[in-house]
PDB file of all heavy atoms in Angstrom:
ATOM      1  N   PRO A   1      21.451   1.203  -1.182  1.00  0.00           N
ATOM      2  CA  PRO A   1      20.783   2.212  -0.357  1.00  0.00           C
ATOM      3  C   PRO A   1      20.142   1.676   0.926  1.00  0.00           C
ATOM      4  O   PRO A   1      19.644   0.567   0.949  1.00  0.00           O
ATOM      5  CB  PRO A   1      19.749   2.824  -1.298  1.00  0.00           C
ATOM      6  CG  PRO A   1      20.404   2.718  -2.662  1.00  0.00           C
ATOM      7  CD  PRO A   1      21.101   1.380  -2.589  1.00  0.00           C
ATOM      8  N   LEU A   2      20.212   2.462   1.999  1.00  0.00           N
ATOM      9  CA  LEU A   2      19.774   2.047   3.278  1.00  0.00           C
ATOM     10  C   LEU A   2      18.244   1.852   3.364  1.00  0.00           C
ATOM     11  O   LEU A   2      17.482   2.602   2.750  1.00  0.00           O
ATOM     12  CB  LEU A   2      20.255   3.055   4.344  1.00  0.00           C
ATOM     13  CG  LEU A   2      21.709   3.280   4.542  1.00  0.00           C
ATOM     14  CD1 LEU A   2      21.896   4.163   5.756  1.00  0.00           C
ATOM     15  CD2 LEU A   2      22.405   1.939   4.698  1.00  0.00           C
ATOM     16  N   PRO A   3      17.792   0.898   4.179  1.00  0.00           N
ATOM     17  CA  PRO A   3      16.360   0.774   4.461  1.00  0.00           C
ATOM     18  C   PRO A   3      15.943   1.587   5.755  1.00  0.00           C
ATOM     19  O   PRO A   3      16.449   1.329   6.841  1.00  0.00           O
ATOM     20  CB  PRO A   3      16.184  -0.754   4.723  1.00  0.00           C
ATOM     21  CG  PRO A   3      17.546  -1.141   5.327  1.00  0.00           C
ATOM     22  CD  PRO A   3      18.593  -0.174   4.766  1.00  0.00           C
ATOM     23  N   TRP A   4      15.068   2.507   5.530  1.00  0.00           N
ATOM     24  CA  TRP A   4      14.625   3.384   6.668  1.00  0.00           C
ATOM     25  C   TRP A   4      13.320   2.957   7.236  1.00  0.00           C
ATOM     26  O   TRP A   4      13.130   2.910   8.447  1.00  0.00           O
ATOM     27  CB  TRP A   4      14.575   4.841   6.139  1.00  0.00           C
ATOM     28  CG  TRP A   4      15.912   5.398   5.851  1.00  0.00           C
ATOM     29  CD1 TRP A   4      16.477   5.462   4.578  1.00  0.00           C
ATOM     30  CD2 TRP A   4      16.848   6.015   6.714  1.00  0.00           C
ATOM     31  NE1 TRP A   4      17.723   6.072   4.656  1.00  0.00           N
ATOM     32  CE2 TRP A   4      17.960   6.418   5.962  1.00  0.00           C
ATOM     33  CE3 TRP A   4      16.854   6.274   8.092  1.00  0.00           C
ATOM     34  CZ2 TRP A   4      19.087   7.001   6.565  1.00  0.00           C
ATOM     35  CZ3 TRP A   4      17.954   6.850   8.679  1.00  0.00           C
ATOM     36  CH2 TRP A   4      19.066   7.233   7.864  1.00  0.00           C
ATOM     37  N   THR A   5      12.349   2.632   6.389  1.00  0.00           N
ATOM     38  CA  THR A   5      11.027   2.223   6.806  1.00  0.00           C
ATOM     39  C   THR A   5      10.559   1.039   5.923  1.00  0.00           C
ATOM     40  O   THR A   5      11.339   0.597   5.076  1.00  0.00           O
ATOM     41  CB  THR A   5       9.989   3.345   6.666  1.00  0.00           C
ATOM     42  OG1 THR A   5       9.802   3.603   5.240  1.00  0.00           O
ATOM     43  CG2 THR A   5      10.494   4.620   7.300  1.00  0.00           C
ATOM     44  N   ASP A   6       9.410   0.531   6.148  1.00  0.00           N
ATOM     45  CA  ASP A   6       8.874  -0.548   5.292  1.00  0.00           C
ATOM     46  C   ASP A   6       8.096  -0.013   4.080  1.00  0.00           C
ATOM     47  O   ASP A   6       7.364  -0.783   3.421  1.00  0.00           O
ATOM     48  CB  ASP A   6       7.994  -1.497   6.098  1.00  0.00           C
ATOM     49  CG  ASP A   6       6.772  -0.833   6.734  1.00  0.00           C
ATOM     50  OD1 ASP A   6       6.614   0.440   6.523  1.00  0.00           O
ATOM     51  OD2 ASP A   6       6.022  -1.481   7.455  1.00  0.00           O
ATOM     52  N   GLU A   7       8.209   1.284   3.787  1.00  0.00           N
ATOM     53  CA  GLU A   7       7.455   1.872   2.710  1.00  0.00           C
ATOM     54  C   GLU A   7       8.067   1.531   1.343  1.00  0.00           C
ATOM     55  O   GLU A   7       9.255   1.505   1.200  1.00  0.00           O
ATOM     56  CB  GLU A   7       7.403   3.384   2.888  1.00  0.00           C
ATOM     57  CG  GLU A   7       6.719   3.884   4.133  1.00  0.00           C
ATOM     58  CD  GLU A   7       6.916   5.390   4.347  1.00  0.00           C
ATOM     59  OE1 GLU A   7       7.424   6.033   3.427  1.00  0.00           O
ATOM     60  OE2 GLU A   7       6.433   5.889   5.391  1.00  0.00           O
ATOM     61  N   ASP A   8       7.190   1.292   0.404  1.00  0.00           N
ATOM     62  CA  ASP A   8       7.609   1.094  -1.012  1.00  0.00           C
ATOM     63  C   ASP A   8       7.931   2.393  -1.621  1.00  0.00           C
ATOM     64  O   ASP A   8       7.405   3.493  -1.162  1.00  0.00           O
ATOM     65  CB  ASP A   8       6.481   0.377  -1.787  1.00  0.00           C
ATOM     66  CG  ASP A   8       6.315  -1.076  -1.356  1.00  0.00           C
ATOM     67  OD1 ASP A   8       7.290  -1.658  -0.885  1.00  0.00           O
ATOM     68  OD2 ASP A   8       5.196  -1.605  -1.437  1.00  0.00           O
ATOM     69  N   PRO A   9       8.703   2.503  -2.718  1.00  0.00           N
ATOM     70  CA  PRO A   9       9.303   1.399  -3.439  1.00  0.00           C
ATOM     71  C   PRO A   9      10.767   1.147  -2.958  1.00  0.00           C
ATOM     72  O   PRO A   9      11.493   0.347  -3.617  1.00  0.00           O
ATOM     73  CB  PRO A   9       9.323   1.866  -4.862  1.00  0.00           C
ATOM     74  CG  PRO A   9       9.504   3.334  -4.736  1.00  0.00           C
ATOM     75  CD  PRO A   9       8.830   3.806  -3.468  1.00  0.00           C
ATOM     76  N   SER A  10      11.237   1.863  -1.889  1.00  0.00           N
ATOM     77  CA  SER A  10      12.665   1.743  -1.602  1.00  0.00           C
ATOM     78  C   SER A  10      12.972   1.703  -0.073  1.00  0.00           C
ATOM     79  O   SER A  10      13.959   2.153   0.348  1.00  0.00           O
ATOM     80  CB  SER A  10      13.410   2.912  -2.238  1.00  0.00           C
ATOM     81  OG  SER A  10      12.936   4.142  -1.681  1.00  0.00           O
ATOM     82  N   TYR A  11      12.032   1.184   0.674  1.00  0.00           N
ATOM     83  CA  TYR A  11      12.187   1.061   2.108  1.00  0.00           C
ATOM     84  C   TYR A  11      12.508   2.435   2.734  1.00  0.00           C
ATOM     85  O   TYR A  11      13.346   2.537   3.582  1.00  0.00           O
ATOM     86  CB  TYR A  11      13.300   0.075   2.536  1.00  0.00           C
ATOM     87  CG  TYR A  11      12.922  -1.361   2.154  1.00  0.00           C
ATOM     88  CD1 TYR A  11      13.546  -2.032   1.058  1.00  0.00           C
ATOM     89  CD2 TYR A  11      11.977  -2.076   2.865  1.00  0.00           C
ATOM     90  CE1 TYR A  11      13.258  -3.276   0.690  1.00  0.00           C
ATOM     91  CE2 TYR A  11      11.669  -3.370   2.465  1.00  0.00           C
ATOM     92  CZ  TYR A  11      12.296  -4.007   1.424  1.00  0.00           C
ATOM     93  OH  TYR A  11      11.957  -5.255   1.070  1.00  0.00           O
ATOM     94  N   GLY A  12      11.759   3.449   2.276  1.00  0.00           N
ATOM     95  CA  GLY A  12      11.893   4.810   2.811  1.00  0.00           C
ATOM     96  C   GLY A  12      13.140   5.553   2.365  1.00  0.00           C
ATOM     97  O   GLY A  12      13.382   6.689   2.816  1.00  0.00           O
ATOM     98  N   PHE A  13      13.938   4.928   1.489  1.00  0.00           N
ATOM     99  CA  PHE A  13      15.128   5.665   0.963  1.00  0.00           C
ATOM    100  C   PHE A  13      14.654   6.868   0.151  1.00  0.00           C
ATOM    101  O   PHE A  13      15.375   7.934   0.180  1.00  0.00           O
ATOM    102  CB  PHE A  13      15.983   4.711   0.092  1.00  0.00           C
ATOM    103  CG  PHE A  13      17.038   5.352  -0.671  1.00  0.00           C
ATOM    104  CD1 PHE A  13      18.198   5.854  -0.037  1.00  0.00           C
ATOM    105  CD2 PHE A  13      17.007   5.420  -2.069  1.00  0.00           C
ATOM    106  CE1 PHE A  13      19.245   6.450  -0.791  1.00  0.00           C
ATOM    107  CE2 PHE A  13      18.065   6.013  -2.812  1.00  0.00           C
ATOM    108  CZ  PHE A  13      19.135   6.506  -2.147  1.00  0.00           C
ATOM    109  N   GLY A  14      13.629   6.733  -0.630  1.00  0.00           N
ATOM    110  CA  GLY A  14      13.092   7.851  -1.466  1.00  0.00           C
ATOM    111  C   GLY A  14      11.847   7.409  -2.182  1.00  0.00           C
ATOM    112  O   GLY A  14      11.308   6.311  -1.926  1.00  0.00           O
ATOM    113  N   ASP A  15      11.403   8.259  -3.104  1.00  0.00           N
ATOM    114  CA  ASP A  15      10.088   8.022  -3.781  1.00  0.00           C
ATOM    115  C   ASP A  15      10.235   7.274  -5.063  1.00  0.00           C
ATOM    116  O   ASP A  15       9.271   7.192  -5.828  1.00  0.00           O
ATOM    117  CB  ASP A  15       9.385   9.252  -3.993  1.00  0.00           C
ATOM    118  CG  ASP A  15       8.971   9.997  -2.677  1.00  0.00           C
ATOM    119  OD1 ASP A  15       8.732   9.257  -1.668  1.00  0.00           O
ATOM    120  OD2 ASP A  15       8.835  11.242  -2.628  1.00  0.00           O
ATOM    121  N   ALA A  16      11.415   6.777  -5.341  1.00  0.00           N
ATOM    122  CA  ALA A  16      11.660   6.023  -6.652  1.00  0.00           C
ATOM    123  C   ALA A  16      12.525   4.800  -6.305  1.00  0.00           C
ATOM    124  O   ALA A  16      13.115   4.696  -5.276  1.00  0.00           O
ATOM    125  CB  ALA A  16      12.300   6.930  -7.698  1.00  0.00           C
ATOM    126  N   ALA A  17      12.552   3.877  -7.267  1.00  0.00           N
ATOM    127  CA  ALA A  17      13.393   2.736  -7.113  1.00  0.00           C
ATOM    128  C   ALA A  17      14.852   3.166  -7.015  1.00  0.00           C
ATOM    129  O   ALA A  17      15.305   4.083  -7.691  1.00  0.00           O
ATOM    130  CB  ALA A  17      13.273   1.795  -8.313  1.00  0.00           C
ATOM    131  N   PRO A  18      15.591   2.641  -6.085  1.00  0.00           N
ATOM    132  CA  PRO A  18      16.973   3.104  -5.827  1.00  0.00           C
ATOM    133  C   PRO A  18      17.949   2.653  -6.917  1.00  0.00           C
ATOM    134  O   PRO A  18      17.668   1.732  -7.725  1.00  0.00           O
ATOM    135  CB  PRO A  18      17.371   2.445  -4.477  1.00  0.00           C
ATOM    136  CG  PRO A  18      16.564   1.212  -4.506  1.00  0.00           C
ATOM    137  CD  PRO A  18      15.242   1.507  -5.192  1.00  0.00           C
ATOM    138  N   HIS A  19      19.080   3.352  -6.955  1.00  0.00           N
ATOM    139  CA  HIS A  19      20.036   3.101  -8.085  1.00  0.00           C
ATOM    140  C   HIS A  19      20.700   1.752  -8.023  1.00  0.00           C
ATOM    141  O   HIS A  19      21.180   1.254  -9.033  1.00  0.00           O
ATOM    142  CB  HIS A  19      21.127   4.221  -8.076  1.00  0.00           C
ATOM    143  CG  HIS A  19      22.014   4.225  -6.900  1.00  0.00           C
ATOM    144  ND1 HIS A  19      23.202   3.651  -6.886  1.00  0.00           N
ATOM    145  CD2 HIS A  19      21.815   4.717  -5.648  1.00  0.00           C
ATOM    146  CE1 HIS A  19      23.775   3.825  -5.703  1.00  0.00           C
ATOM    147  NE2 HIS A  19      22.983   4.440  -4.947  1.00  0.00           N
ATOM    148  N   LEU A  20      20.691   1.102  -6.825  1.00  0.00           N
ATOM    149  CA  LEU A  20      21.098  -0.260  -6.688  1.00  0.00           C
ATOM    150  C   LEU A  20      19.950  -1.037  -6.030  1.00  0.00           C
ATOM    151  O   LEU A  20      19.321  -0.470  -5.068  1.00  0.00           O
ATOM    152  CB  LEU A  20      22.369  -0.414  -5.846  1.00  0.00           C
ATOM    153  CG  LEU A  20      23.680  -0.100  -6.503  1.00  0.00           C
ATOM    154  CD1 LEU A  20      24.831  -0.029  -5.463  1.00  0.00           C
ATOM    155  CD2 LEU A  20      24.017  -1.116  -7.578  1.00  0.00           C
ATOM    156  N   PRO A  21      19.608  -2.240  -6.502  1.00  0.00           N
ATOM    157  CA  PRO A  21      18.404  -2.879  -5.951  1.00  0.00           C
ATOM    158  C   PRO A  21      18.583  -3.357  -4.499  1.00  0.00           C
ATOM    159  O   PRO A  21      19.654  -3.875  -4.129  1.00  0.00           O
ATOM    160  CB  PRO A  21      18.263  -4.131  -6.929  1.00  0.00           C
ATOM    161  CG  PRO A  21      19.647  -4.363  -7.377  1.00  0.00           C
ATOM    162  CD  PRO A  21      20.322  -3.051  -7.483  1.00  0.00           C
ATOM    163  N   GLN A  22      17.510  -3.204  -3.723  1.00  0.00           N
ATOM    164  CA  GLN A  22      17.472  -3.579  -2.335  1.00  0.00           C
ATOM    165  C   GLN A  22      16.831  -5.009  -2.274  1.00  0.00           C
ATOM    166  O   GLN A  22      15.823  -5.249  -2.955  1.00  0.00           O
ATOM    167  CB  GLN A  22      16.672  -2.571  -1.488  1.00  0.00           C
ATOM    168  CG  GLN A  22      17.297  -1.179  -1.451  1.00  0.00           C
ATOM    169  CD  GLN A  22      16.300  -0.178  -0.988  1.00  0.00           C
ATOM    170  OE1 GLN A  22      15.141  -0.092  -1.541  1.00  0.00           O
ATOM    171  NE2 GLN A  22      16.643   0.619   0.011  1.00  0.00           N
ATOM    172  N   PRO A  23      17.373  -5.908  -1.467  1.00  0.00           N
ATOM    173  CA  PRO A  23      16.729  -7.227  -1.339  1.00  0.00           C
ATOM    174  C   PRO A  23      15.535  -7.220  -0.441  1.00  0.00           C
ATOM    175  O   PRO A  23      15.318  -6.322   0.384  1.00  0.00           O
ATOM    176  CB  PRO A  23      17.874  -8.045  -0.697  1.00  0.00           C
ATOM    177  CG  PRO A  23      18.601  -7.050   0.126  1.00  0.00           C
ATOM    178  CD  PRO A  23      18.531  -5.743  -0.631  1.00  0.00           C
ATOM    179  N   ASP A  24      14.703  -8.222  -0.558  1.00  0.00           N
ATOM    180  CA  ASP A  24      13.486  -8.327   0.266  1.00  0.00           C
ATOM    181  C   ASP A  24      13.803  -8.438   1.721  1.00  0.00           C
ATOM    182  O   ASP A  24      13.035  -7.942   2.572  1.00  0.00           O
ATOM    183  CB  ASP A  24      12.687  -9.604  -0.188  1.00  0.00           C
ATOM    184  CG  ASP A  24      12.094  -9.475  -1.601  1.00  0.00           C
ATOM    185  OD1 ASP A  24      11.983  -8.318  -2.056  1.00  0.00           O
ATOM    186  OD2 ASP A  24      11.735 -10.505  -2.173  1.00  0.00           O
ATOM    187  N   TRP A  25      14.920  -9.047   2.089  1.00  0.00           N
ATOM    188  CA  TRP A  25      15.255  -9.214   3.499  1.00  0.00           C
ATOM    189  C   TRP A  25      15.606  -7.974   4.175  1.00  0.00           C
ATOM    190  O   TRP A  25      15.628  -7.853   5.449  1.00  0.00           O
ATOM    191  CB  TRP A  25      16.403 -10.228   3.718  1.00  0.00           C
ATOM    192  CG  TRP A  25      17.639 -10.049   2.951  1.00  0.00           C
ATOM    193  CD1 TRP A  25      18.035 -10.624   1.746  1.00  0.00           C
ATOM    194  CD2 TRP A  25      18.793  -9.223   3.382  1.00  0.00           C
ATOM    195  NE1 TRP A  25      19.287 -10.187   1.398  1.00  0.00           N
ATOM    196  CE2 TRP A  25      19.750  -9.310   2.372  1.00  0.00           C
ATOM    197  CE3 TRP A  25      19.024  -8.407   4.463  1.00  0.00           C
ATOM    198  CZ2 TRP A  25      20.984  -8.683   2.415  1.00  0.00           C
ATOM    199  CZ3 TRP A  25      20.279  -7.758   4.563  1.00  0.00           C
ATOM    200  CH2 TRP A  25      21.205  -7.896   3.552  1.00  0.00           C
ATOM    201  N   PHE A  26      15.710  -6.840   3.436  1.00  0.00           N
ATOM    202  CA  PHE A  26      15.897  -5.494   4.060  1.00  0.00           C
ATOM    203  C   PHE A  26      14.656  -5.133   4.951  1.00  0.00           C
ATOM    204  O   PHE A  26      14.846  -4.304   5.840  1.00  0.00           O
ATOM    205  CB  PHE A  26      16.066  -4.434   2.980  1.00  0.00           C
ATOM    206  CG  PHE A  26      17.478  -4.047   2.718  1.00  0.00           C
ATOM    207  CD1 PHE A  26      18.494  -4.959   3.029  1.00  0.00           C
ATOM    208  CD2 PHE A  26      17.866  -2.793   2.193  1.00  0.00           C
ATOM    209  CE1 PHE A  26      19.837  -4.589   2.735  1.00  0.00           C
ATOM    210  CE2 PHE A  26      19.181  -2.477   1.906  1.00  0.00           C
ATOM    211  CZ  PHE A  26      20.153  -3.356   2.222  1.00  0.00           C
ATOM    212  N   ALA A  27      13.512  -5.774   4.650  1.00  0.00           N
ATOM    213  CA  ALA A  27      12.329  -5.371   5.473  1.00  0.00           C
ATOM    214  C   ALA A  27      12.526  -5.677   6.989  1.00  0.00           C
ATOM    215  O   ALA A  27      11.936  -5.000   7.872  1.00  0.00           O
ATOM    216  CB  ALA A  27      11.146  -6.230   4.959  1.00  0.00           C
ATOM    217  N   ASP A  28      13.446  -6.606   7.289  1.00  0.00           N
ATOM    218  CA  ASP A  28      13.688  -6.936   8.718  1.00  0.00           C
ATOM    219  C   ASP A  28      14.767  -6.053   9.315  1.00  0.00           C
ATOM    220  O   ASP A  28      15.122  -6.197  10.509  1.00  0.00           O
ATOM    221  CB  ASP A  28      14.116  -8.360   8.824  1.00  0.00           C
ATOM    222  CG  ASP A  28      13.038  -9.347   8.396  1.00  0.00           C
ATOM    223  OD1 ASP A  28      11.835  -9.016   8.636  1.00  0.00           O
ATOM    224  OD2 ASP A  28      13.372 -10.396   7.770  1.00  0.00           O
ATOM    225  N   TYR A  29      15.395  -5.120   8.525  1.00  0.00           N
ATOM    226  CA  TYR A  29      16.525  -4.367   9.023  1.00  0.00           C
ATOM    227  C   TYR A  29      16.320  -2.882   8.882  1.00  0.00           C
ATOM    228  O   TYR A  29      17.281  -2.156   8.813  1.00  0.00           O
ATOM    229  CB  TYR A  29      17.789  -4.771   8.241  1.00  0.00           C
ATOM    230  CG  TYR A  29      18.235  -6.223   8.472  1.00  0.00           C
ATOM    231  CD1 TYR A  29      17.713  -7.263   7.859  1.00  0.00           C
ATOM    232  CD2 TYR A  29      19.212  -6.468   9.485  1.00  0.00           C
ATOM    233  CE1 TYR A  29      18.113  -8.590   8.102  1.00  0.00           C
ATOM    234  CE2 TYR A  29      19.619  -7.770   9.761  1.00  0.00           C
ATOM    235  CZ  TYR A  29      19.049  -8.802   9.060  1.00  0.00           C
ATOM    236  OH  TYR A  29      19.456 -10.077   9.380  1.00  0.00           O
ATOM    237  N   THR A  30      15.097  -2.401   8.844  1.00  0.00           N
ATOM    238  CA  THR A  30      14.833  -0.994   8.733  1.00  0.00           C
ATOM    239  C   THR A  30      15.155  -0.220   9.968  1.00  0.00           C
ATOM    240  O   THR A  30      15.022  -0.788  11.071  1.00  0.00           O
ATOM    241  CB  THR A  30      13.414  -0.723   8.248  1.00  0.00           C
ATOM    242  OG1 THR A  30      12.503  -1.102   9.304  1.00  0.00           O
ATOM    243  CG2 THR A  30      13.015  -1.503   7.015  1.00  0.00           C
ATOM    244  N   VAL A  31      15.423   1.066   9.845  1.00  0.00           N
ATOM    245  CA  VAL A  31      15.652   1.887  11.042  1.00  0.00           C
ATOM    246  C   VAL A  31      14.344   1.899  11.849  1.00  0.00           C
ATOM    247  O   VAL A  31      14.419   1.822  13.066  1.00  0.00           O
ATOM    248  CB  VAL A  31      16.021   3.276  10.571  1.00  0.00           C
ATOM    249  CG1 VAL A  31      16.015   4.255  11.784  1.00  0.00           C
ATOM    250  CG2 VAL A  31      17.408   3.297   9.919  1.00  0.00           C
ATOM    251  N   ALA A  32      13.209   2.015  11.204  1.00  0.00           N
ATOM    252  CA  ALA A  32      11.924   2.047  11.953  1.00  0.00           C
ATOM    253  C   ALA A  32      11.719   0.823  12.788  1.00  0.00           C
ATOM    254  O   ALA A  32      11.321   0.891  13.952  1.00  0.00           O
ATOM    255  CB  ALA A  32      10.779   2.240  10.983  1.00  0.00           C
ATOM    256  N   ALA A  33      11.945  -0.367  12.184  1.00  0.00           N
ATOM    257  CA  ALA A  33      11.711  -1.621  12.915  1.00  0.00           C
ATOM    258  C   ALA A  33      12.739  -1.754  14.056  1.00  0.00           C
ATOM    259  O   ALA A  33      12.349  -2.186  15.168  1.00  0.00           O
ATOM    260  CB  ALA A  33      11.813  -2.769  11.946  1.00  0.00           C
ATOM    261  N   GLU A  34      13.975  -1.445  13.840  1.00  0.00           N
ATOM    262  CA  GLU A  34      15.008  -1.645  14.823  1.00  0.00           C
ATOM    263  C   GLU A  34      14.940  -0.615  15.946  1.00  0.00           C
ATOM    264  O   GLU A  34      15.389  -0.869  17.097  1.00  0.00           O
ATOM    265  CB  GLU A  34      16.404  -1.664  14.189  1.00  0.00           C
ATOM    266  CG  GLU A  34      16.572  -2.850  13.255  1.00  0.00           C
ATOM    267  CD  GLU A  34      18.067  -3.133  12.954  1.00  0.00           C
ATOM    268  OE1 GLU A  34      18.919  -2.683  13.732  1.00  0.00           O
ATOM    269  OE2 GLU A  34      18.358  -3.784  11.962  1.00  0.00           O
ATOM    270  N   SER A  35      14.353   0.550  15.639  1.00  0.00           N
ATOM    271  CA  SER A  35      14.311   1.619  16.703  1.00  0.00           C
ATOM    272  C   SER A  35      13.433   1.243  17.834  1.00  0.00           C
ATOM    273  O   SER A  35      13.541   1.701  18.933  1.00  0.00           O
ATOM    274  CB  SER A  35      13.762   2.917  16.057  1.00  0.00           C
ATOM    275  OG  SER A  35      14.771   3.462  15.196  1.00  0.00           O
ATOM    276  N   THR A  36      12.423   0.346  17.543  1.00  0.00           N
ATOM    277  CA  THR A  36      11.485  -0.050  18.641  1.00  0.00           C
ATOM    278  C   THR A  36      11.811  -1.428  19.214  1.00  0.00           C
ATOM    279  O   THR A  36      11.090  -1.899  20.041  1.00  0.00           O
ATOM    280  CB  THR A  36      10.067  -0.109  18.071  1.00  0.00           C
ATOM    281  OG1 THR A  36       9.986  -0.986  16.965  1.00  0.00           O
ATOM    282  CG2 THR A  36       9.630   1.296  17.619  1.00  0.00           C
ATOM    283  N   ASP A  37      12.887  -2.016  18.807  1.00  0.00           N
ATOM    284  CA  ASP A  37      13.316  -3.311  19.249  1.00  0.00           C
ATOM    285  C   ASP A  37      14.580  -3.199  20.165  1.00  0.00           C
ATOM    286  O   ASP A  37      15.637  -2.904  19.671  1.00  0.00           O
ATOM    287  CB  ASP A  37      13.675  -4.207  18.103  1.00  0.00           C
ATOM    288  CG  ASP A  37      14.093  -5.637  18.491  1.00  0.00           C
ATOM    289  OD1 ASP A  37      14.167  -5.941  19.714  1.00  0.00           O
ATOM    290  OD2 ASP A  37      14.423  -6.455  17.608  1.00  0.00           O
ATOM    291  N   PRO A  38      14.414  -3.402  21.468  1.00  0.00           N
ATOM    292  CA  PRO A  38      15.533  -3.190  22.392  1.00  0.00           C
ATOM    293  C   PRO A  38      16.697  -4.162  22.152  1.00  0.00           C
ATOM    294  O   PRO A  38      17.836  -3.902  22.622  1.00  0.00           O
ATOM    295  CB  PRO A  38      14.964  -3.358  23.783  1.00  0.00           C
ATOM    296  CG  PRO A  38      13.747  -4.215  23.542  1.00  0.00           C
ATOM    297  CD  PRO A  38      13.162  -3.803  22.157  1.00  0.00           C
ATOM    298  N   ASP A  39      16.449  -5.256  21.423  1.00  0.00           N
ATOM    299  CA  ASP A  39      17.466  -6.235  21.181  1.00  0.00           C
ATOM    300  C   ASP A  39      18.134  -6.080  19.790  1.00  0.00           C
ATOM    301  O   ASP A  39      18.929  -6.932  19.410  1.00  0.00           O
ATOM    302  CB  ASP A  39      16.898  -7.667  21.344  1.00  0.00           C
ATOM    303  CG  ASP A  39      16.424  -7.924  22.764  1.00  0.00           C
ATOM    304  OD1 ASP A  39      17.080  -7.475  23.670  1.00  0.00           O
ATOM    305  OD2 ASP A  39      15.339  -8.641  22.857  1.00  0.00           O
ATOM    306  N   SER A  40      17.710  -5.056  19.072  1.00  0.00           N
ATOM    307  CA  SER A  40      18.178  -4.882  17.689  1.00  0.00           C
ATOM    308  C   SER A  40      19.664  -4.417  17.687  1.00  0.00           C
ATOM    309  O   SER A  40      20.180  -3.898  18.667  1.00  0.00           O
ATOM    310  CB  SER A  40      17.316  -3.922  16.916  1.00  0.00           C
ATOM    311  OG  SER A  40      17.561  -2.593  17.432  1.00  0.00           O
ATOM    312  N   SER A  41      20.279  -4.538  16.483  1.00  0.00           N
ATOM    313  CA  SER A  41      21.636  -4.064  16.310  1.00  0.00           C
ATOM    314  C   SER A  41      21.670  -2.528  16.521  1.00  0.00           C
ATOM    315  O   SER A  41      22.580  -1.963  17.158  1.00  0.00           O
ATOM    316  CB  SER A  41      22.097  -4.386  14.887  1.00  0.00           C
ATOM    317  OG  SER A  41      23.416  -3.868  14.663  1.00  0.00           O
ATOM    318  N   LEU A  42      20.654  -1.802  16.017  1.00  0.00           N
ATOM    319  CA  LEU A  42      20.617  -0.364  16.164  1.00  0.00           C
ATOM    320  C   LEU A  42      20.552   0.040  17.638  1.00  0.00           C
ATOM    321  O   LEU A  42      21.272   0.977  18.062  1.00  0.00           O
ATOM    322  CB  LEU A  42      19.449   0.207  15.397  1.00  0.00           C
ATOM    323  CG  LEU A  42      19.223   1.791  15.506  1.00  0.00           C
ATOM    324  CD1 LEU A  42      20.469   2.494  14.971  1.00  0.00           C
ATOM    325  CD2 LEU A  42      17.986   2.151  14.688  1.00  0.00           C
TER     326      LEU A  42
END
């Protein structure tokens, strides 16, 4: 599942743990973080 924000427990995917585990490094790849970074992939 995709990382949308830095919110627990699923990086903004939803209010519960996702059906497949997300890695810790997802915190650097959220939509929220990349939206404000002009050099990001997004």
